[in-house]
Amino acid sequence: MHNQIAFWRPRLQHLASQYGNGDGAHDISHLERVWTTAQHLLTSHPGADALVVMAACYLHDLINPPKDSPNRAQASSLSAQEAQSQLTKLDFPKEQLAAVAHAIEAHSFSAGIPAKTIEAMIVQDADRIDALGAIGLARMFHIGGQLGRVLAHGIDPLATQRPLDDKAYALDHIETKLRHLPSSMKTEAGRKLAETRLGFLMQFRDQFISEWQVETGEAS
């Protein structure tokens, strides 16, 4: 298996690098981080097919419309189809193509496709973990800026007296989605890592709020 990983990794990296829409939150560095995290999770699941996991990690964002696109929910299925097509041209093992496609389809939060294999569970967990911690925060604000969202609500950043709205306020995304990601993890190793990174994220939010309140004159 090690020889297969060494053989296919540069080919998958090259294939993935041919795609992209200039989104710094879903670029080749994101793919590398997802694969690195997946390798950590694989140590707890030695029976999983590492080649399938690696291929899905590198190719899960081949088709990546903007977060606010009406086609967003179809992105993972489109990426799976494109990955199968391109891997077939590269003579990727045919018996593993369907497993790669499923892992790509199931990684997406918005698609809501259940992960039915351990490989798909690992890829899904690894991708969601990248939305947490320091990197996750950077990605959250990066995407928020792309979509024209302000950092936070001016006088009620914690939404104590208003509905949460992460389409308007980037900070709201922590409460609407990110803080719930650890409970969505399919592997125990993924859950533990996600909880650790969520702890950092919540500490950041507390510090952000304390500074934001001072800036807006809301400090007691």
Protein backbone atom coordinates (compact mmCIF):
# COMPACT_ATOMS: atom_id res chain seq x y z
CA MET A 1 0.00 0.00 0.00
CA HIS A 2 2.87 2.37 0.78
CA ASN A 3 4.14 1.97 -2.78
CA GLN A 4 0.66 2.76 -4.15
CA ILE A 5 0.43 5.88 -2.02
CA ALA A 6 3.85 7.05 -3.16
CA PHE A 7 2.97 6.36 -6.80
CA TRP A 8 -0.45 8.01 -6.82
CA ARG A 9 0.06 11.01 -4.55
CA PRO A 10 1.93 13.24 -7.05
CA ARG A 11 -0.54 12.29 -9.78
CA LEU A 12 -3.49 13.22 -7.58
CA GLN A 13 -1.82 16.45 -6.54
CA HIS A 14 -1.25 17.38 -10.17
CA LEU A 15 -4.82 16.53 -11.12
CA ALA A 16 -6.28 18.56 -8.25
CA SER A 17 -4.07 21.54 -9.11
CA GLN A 18 -5.70 21.77 -12.55
CA TYR A 19 -8.99 22.77 -10.92
CA GLY A 20 -9.99 25.58 -8.58
CA ASN A 21 -11.83 28.89 -8.72
CA GLY A 22 -9.44 31.08 -6.78
CA ASP A 23 -11.03 30.19 -3.45
CA GLY A 24 -8.25 30.29 -0.89
CA ALA A 25 -10.34 28.28 1.58
CA HIS A 26 -10.56 25.31 -0.81
CA ASP A 27 -7.18 25.44 -2.54
CA ILE A 28 -4.44 22.81 -2.81
CA SER A 29 -3.28 23.65 0.73
CA HIS A 30 -6.73 22.72 2.03
CA LEU A 31 -6.52 19.39 0.18
CA GLU A 32 -3.09 18.70 1.66
CA ARG A 33 -4.37 19.46 5.18
CA VAL A 34 -7.36 17.18 4.71
CA TRP A 35 -5.07 14.34 3.60
CA THR A 36 -2.73 14.98 6.55
CA THR A 37 -5.65 14.80 8.99
CA ALA A 38 -7.01 11.72 7.23
CA GLN A 39 -3.66 9.98 7.72
CA HIS A 40 -3.96 10.65 11.45
CA LEU A 41 -7.45 9.12 11.47
CA LEU A 42 -6.28 6.14 9.40
CA THR A 43 -3.95 5.08 12.22
CA SER A 44 -7.08 4.20 14.22
CA HIS A 45 -8.57 2.29 11.27
CA PRO A 46 -5.81 0.12 9.77
CA GLY A 47 -8.37 -1.85 7.76
CA ALA A 48 -9.45 1.18 5.75
CA ASP A 49 -8.26 1.58 2.16
CA ALA A 50 -5.72 4.40 2.37
CA LEU A 51 -5.55 4.82 -1.41
CA VAL A 52 -9.30 5.42 -1.61
CA VAL A 53 -9.07 7.91 1.25
CA MET A 54 -6.15 9.75 -0.32
CA ALA A 55 -7.80 10.01 -3.73
CA ALA A 56 -11.00 11.36 -2.20
CA CYS A 57 -9.07 13.85 -0.06
CA TYR A 58 -7.33 15.33 -3.07
CA LEU A 59 -10.29 15.27 -5.44
CA HIS A 60 -13.29 16.12 -3.24
CA ASP A 61 -13.39 19.77 -4.34
CA LEU A 62 -12.83 19.40 -8.09
CA ILE A 63 -16.16 21.14 -8.73
CA ASN A 64 -16.39 23.95 -6.19
CA PRO A 65 -19.06 26.59 -6.81
CA PRO A 66 -19.25 29.53 -4.38
CA LYS A 67 -20.86 28.93 -0.98
CA ASP A 68 -23.87 31.02 -1.98
CA SER A 69 -24.36 29.29 -5.34
CA PRO A 70 -27.72 27.53 -5.90
CA ASN A 71 -25.68 24.57 -7.19
CA ARG A 72 -23.69 24.20 -3.98
CA ALA A 73 -25.54 21.10 -2.79
CA GLN A 74 -24.69 19.29 -6.04
CA ALA A 75 -20.97 20.08 -5.88
CA SER A 76 -19.89 16.85 -4.22
CA SER A 77 -21.82 14.67 -6.67
CA LEU A 78 -20.39 16.61 -9.60
CA SER A 79 -16.91 16.30 -8.10
CA ALA A 80 -17.39 12.55 -7.72
CA GLN A 81 -18.39 12.21 -11.36
CA GLU A 82 -15.44 14.30 -12.51
CA ALA A 83 -13.04 12.36 -10.30
CA GLN A 84 -14.21 9.03 -11.70
CA SER A 85 -13.79 10.31 -15.24
CA GLN A 86 -10.30 11.69 -14.66
CA LEU A 87 -9.10 8.71 -12.60
CA THR A 88 -10.28 6.34 -15.32
CA LYS A 89 -8.08 8.22 -17.80
CA LEU A 90 -5.15 7.79 -15.41
CA ASP A 91 -5.75 4.01 -15.12
CA PHE A 92 -6.62 4.25 -11.43
CA PRO A 93 -7.62 0.79 -10.11
CA LYS A 94 -11.16 0.22 -11.39
CA GLU A 95 -12.23 -1.78 -8.36
CA GLN A 96 -11.64 1.27 -6.13
CA LEU A 97 -13.33 3.94 -8.26
CA ALA A 98 -16.80 3.53 -6.76
CA ALA A 99 -15.42 3.79 -3.23
CA VAL A 100 -13.58 7.01 -4.11
CA ALA A 101 -16.73 8.46 -5.67
CA HIS A 102 -18.82 7.64 -2.61
CA ALA A 103 -16.28 9.19 -0.24
CA ILE A 104 -16.31 12.37 -2.34
CA GLU A 105 -20.11 12.49 -2.52
CA ALA A 106 -20.52 11.97 1.22
CA HIS A 107 -17.96 14.53 2.37
CA SER A 108 -20.25 17.51 1.78
CA PHE A 109 -22.18 19.03 4.68
CA SER A 110 -24.73 20.68 2.39
CA ALA A 111 -25.37 17.55 0.28
CA GLY A 112 -26.43 15.52 3.30
CA ILE A 113 -25.34 12.17 1.79
CA PRO A 114 -24.69 9.58 4.54
CA ALA A 115 -21.18 8.13 4.69
CA LYS A 116 -21.60 4.35 4.36
CA THR A 117 -17.97 3.22 4.38
CA ILE A 118 -15.12 3.81 6.81
CA GLU A 119 -13.20 5.52 4.01
CA ALA A 120 -16.05 7.98 3.44
CA MET A 121 -16.33 8.58 7.20
CA ILE A 122 -12.62 9.38 7.45
CA VAL A 123 -12.72 11.80 4.51
CA GLN A 124 -15.85 13.50 5.84
CA ASP A 125 -14.33 13.91 9.32
CA ALA A 126 -11.01 15.17 7.98
CA ASP A 127 -12.68 17.76 5.76
CA ARG A 128 -14.90 19.04 8.59
CA ILE A 129 -12.00 19.22 11.03
CA ASP A 130 -10.34 21.72 8.68
CA ALA A 131 -13.28 24.05 9.40
CA LEU A 132 -12.27 24.20 13.08
CA GLY A 133 -9.31 25.58 15.01
CA ALA A 134 -7.11 28.44 13.84
CA ILE A 135 -7.26 27.39 10.19
CA GLY A 136 -11.02 27.07 10.40
CA LEU A 137 -11.34 30.59 11.76
CA ALA A 138 -9.15 31.97 9.00
CA ARG A 139 -11.24 30.15 6.41
CA MET A 140 -14.48 31.37 7.99
CA PHE A 141 -13.51 35.02 7.76
CA HIS A 142 -11.94 34.55 4.33
CA ILE A 143 -15.18 33.12 2.96
CA GLY A 144 -17.21 35.73 4.80
CA GLY A 145 -15.20 38.47 3.12
CA GLN A 146 -15.68 36.87 -0.28
CA LEU A 147 -19.43 36.85 0.25
CA GLY A 148 -19.63 40.38 1.60
CA ARG A 149 -20.44 39.44 5.19
CA VAL A 150 -19.45 41.83 7.97
CA LEU A 151 -17.39 40.47 10.85
CA ALA A 152 -20.16 40.56 13.45
CA HIS A 153 -23.38 42.31 14.41
CA GLY A 154 -22.55 45.77 15.72
CA ILE A 155 -24.38 45.68 19.05
CA ASP A 156 -25.41 42.03 19.52
CA PRO A 157 -22.55 39.86 18.26
CA LEU A 158 -23.71 36.81 20.25
CA ALA A 159 -27.28 37.05 18.91
CA THR A 160 -28.87 37.17 22.36
CA GLN A 161 -31.72 39.42 21.15
CA ARG A 162 -31.85 38.57 17.44
CA PRO A 163 -31.95 35.53 15.14
CA LEU A 164 -28.61 34.10 14.08
CA ASP A 165 -27.74 35.04 10.50
CA ASP A 166 -24.44 33.77 9.17
CA LYS A 167 -25.26 35.06 5.70
CA ALA A 168 -24.91 38.59 7.10
CA TYR A 169 -22.43 38.16 9.99
CA ALA A 170 -19.37 35.93 9.74
CA LEU A 171 -19.12 35.34 13.49
CA ASP A 172 -22.63 33.84 13.55
CA HIS A 173 -21.26 30.88 11.55
CA ILE A 174 -19.63 29.56 14.71
CA GLU A 175 -22.99 29.10 16.39
CA THR A 176 -25.00 28.09 13.32
CA LYS A 177 -22.59 25.38 12.15
CA LEU A 178 -19.04 25.11 13.45
CA ARG A 179 -19.73 24.41 17.12
CA HIS A 180 -21.91 21.46 16.10
CA LEU A 181 -19.29 19.76 13.93
CA PRO A 182 -17.69 17.60 16.66
CA SER A 183 -21.01 15.85 17.25
CA SER A 184 -21.21 15.04 13.53
CA MET A 185 -17.91 13.16 13.49
CA LYS A 186 -18.14 9.54 12.40
CA THR A 187 -14.86 8.36 13.95
CA GLU A 188 -13.80 8.56 17.58
CA ALA A 189 -10.39 9.96 16.65
CA GLY A 190 -12.09 12.59 14.53
CA ARG A 191 -14.41 13.58 17.36
CA LYS A 192 -11.54 14.03 19.81
CA LEU A 193 -9.55 16.16 17.38
CA ALA A 194 -12.62 18.20 16.47
CA GLU A 195 -13.43 18.88 20.13
CA THR A 196 -9.88 20.10 20.75
CA ARG A 197 -10.05 22.48 17.81
CA LEU A 198 -13.53 23.65 18.80
CA GLY A 199 -12.14 24.58 22.22
CA PHE A 200 -9.66 26.94 20.56
CA LEU A 201 -12.40 28.37 18.36
CA MET A 202 -14.64 29.15 21.33
CA GLN A 203 -11.74 30.77 23.20
CA PHE A 204 -11.17 32.96 20.16
CA ARG A 205 -14.86 33.89 20.06
CA ASP A 206 -14.78 34.94 23.73
CA GLN A 207 -11.72 37.12 23.13
CA PHE A 208 -13.26 38.55 19.97
CA ILE A 209 -16.44 39.49 21.85
CA SER A 210 -14.53 41.16 24.68
CA GLU A 211 -12.62 43.33 22.21
CA TRP A 212 -15.67 43.92 19.99
CA GLN A 213 -17.71 45.18 22.97
CA VAL A 214 -14.97 47.61 23.92
CA GLU A 215 -14.78 48.87 20.36
CA THR A 216 -18.55 49.38 20.13
CA GLY A 217 -18.89 50.87 23.58
CA GLU A 218 -20.83 47.92 25.00
CA ALA A 219 -18.37 46.91 27.72
CA SER A 220 -19.70 47.17 31.26
